[in-house]
């Protein structure tokens, strides 16, 4: 026989008050993390393109 648990916990984000942040006290700019993400993604794609280009130049094609 299976019995129901005595306690059941449910968490809703509506019940929690949001954390207020003073933007003037932040160490970094609000969008700096997004800018860093896109710059690093562009650098990775450029590095990948460079590596693949160098790999294709080093292979000798059969004649």
Protein backbone atom coordinates (compact mmCIF):
# COMPACT_ATOMS: atom_id res chain seq x y z
CA UNK A 1 0.00 0.00 0.00
CA UNK A 2 1.40 3.40 -1.03
CA UNK A 3 0.68 6.33 1.25
CA UNK A 4 0.87 10.00 0.33
CA UNK A 5 3.70 12.03 1.88
CA UNK A 6 2.87 14.02 4.98
CA UNK A 7 4.35 17.26 3.65
CA UNK A 8 4.41 18.67 0.16
CA UNK A 9 6.58 21.66 -0.77
CA UNK A 10 5.97 23.92 -3.74
CA UNK A 11 8.07 26.89 -4.70
CA UNK A 12 6.76 29.73 -6.79
CA UNK A 13 8.83 32.67 -7.93
CA UNK A 14 5.77 34.89 -7.59
CA UNK A 15 6.02 34.57 -3.85
CA UNK A 16 9.59 35.84 -3.73
CA UNK A 17 10.35 39.55 -3.80
CA UNK A 18 12.85 40.59 -6.48
CA UNK A 19 16.29 41.68 -5.37
CA UNK A 20 16.72 45.39 -5.93
CA UNK A 21 20.11 46.44 -7.33
CA UNK A 22 21.39 50.00 -7.44
CA UNK A 23 22.96 50.40 -10.88
CA UNK A 24 25.24 53.21 -9.72
CA UNK A 25 26.93 50.83 -7.28
CA UNK A 26 27.73 48.19 -9.91
CA UNK A 27 31.40 47.62 -10.68
CA UNK A 28 30.83 46.81 -14.35
CA UNK A 29 28.54 48.27 -16.98
CA UNK A 30 25.15 46.62 -17.29
CA UNK A 31 25.73 45.22 -20.78
CA UNK A 32 29.45 44.48 -20.50
CA UNK A 33 28.89 40.74 -20.07
CA UNK A 34 26.83 40.65 -23.28
CA UNK A 35 29.49 42.62 -25.16
CA UNK A 36 32.22 40.28 -23.88
CA UNK A 37 30.15 37.27 -24.95
CA UNK A 38 29.68 38.52 -28.54
CA UNK A 39 33.31 39.64 -28.89
CA UNK A 40 34.58 36.28 -27.68
CA UNK A 41 32.18 34.47 -30.02
CA UNK A 42 33.39 36.55 -32.98
CA UNK A 43 37.03 35.91 -32.00
CA UNK A 44 36.35 32.16 -31.79
CA UNK A 45 34.71 32.11 -35.23
CA UNK A 46 37.62 34.11 -36.69
CA UNK A 47 40.16 31.78 -35.08
CA UNK A 48 38.25 28.75 -36.39
CA UNK A 49 38.18 30.23 -39.89
CA UNK A 50 41.92 30.90 -39.73
CA UNK A 51 42.74 27.38 -38.53
CA UNK A 52 40.53 25.73 -41.17
CA UNK A 53 42.00 27.95 -43.87
CA UNK A 54 45.55 27.02 -42.85
CA UNK A 55 44.62 23.34 -42.72
CA UNK A 56 43.19 23.45 -46.22
CA UNK A 57 46.32 25.17 -47.57
CA UNK A 58 48.66 22.57 -46.07
CA UNK A 59 46.97 19.60 -47.80
CA UNK A 60 48.36 18.60 -51.18
CA UNK A 61 45.60 17.79 -53.66
CA UNK A 62 46.09 14.77 -55.94
CA UNK A 63 46.78 15.60 -59.60
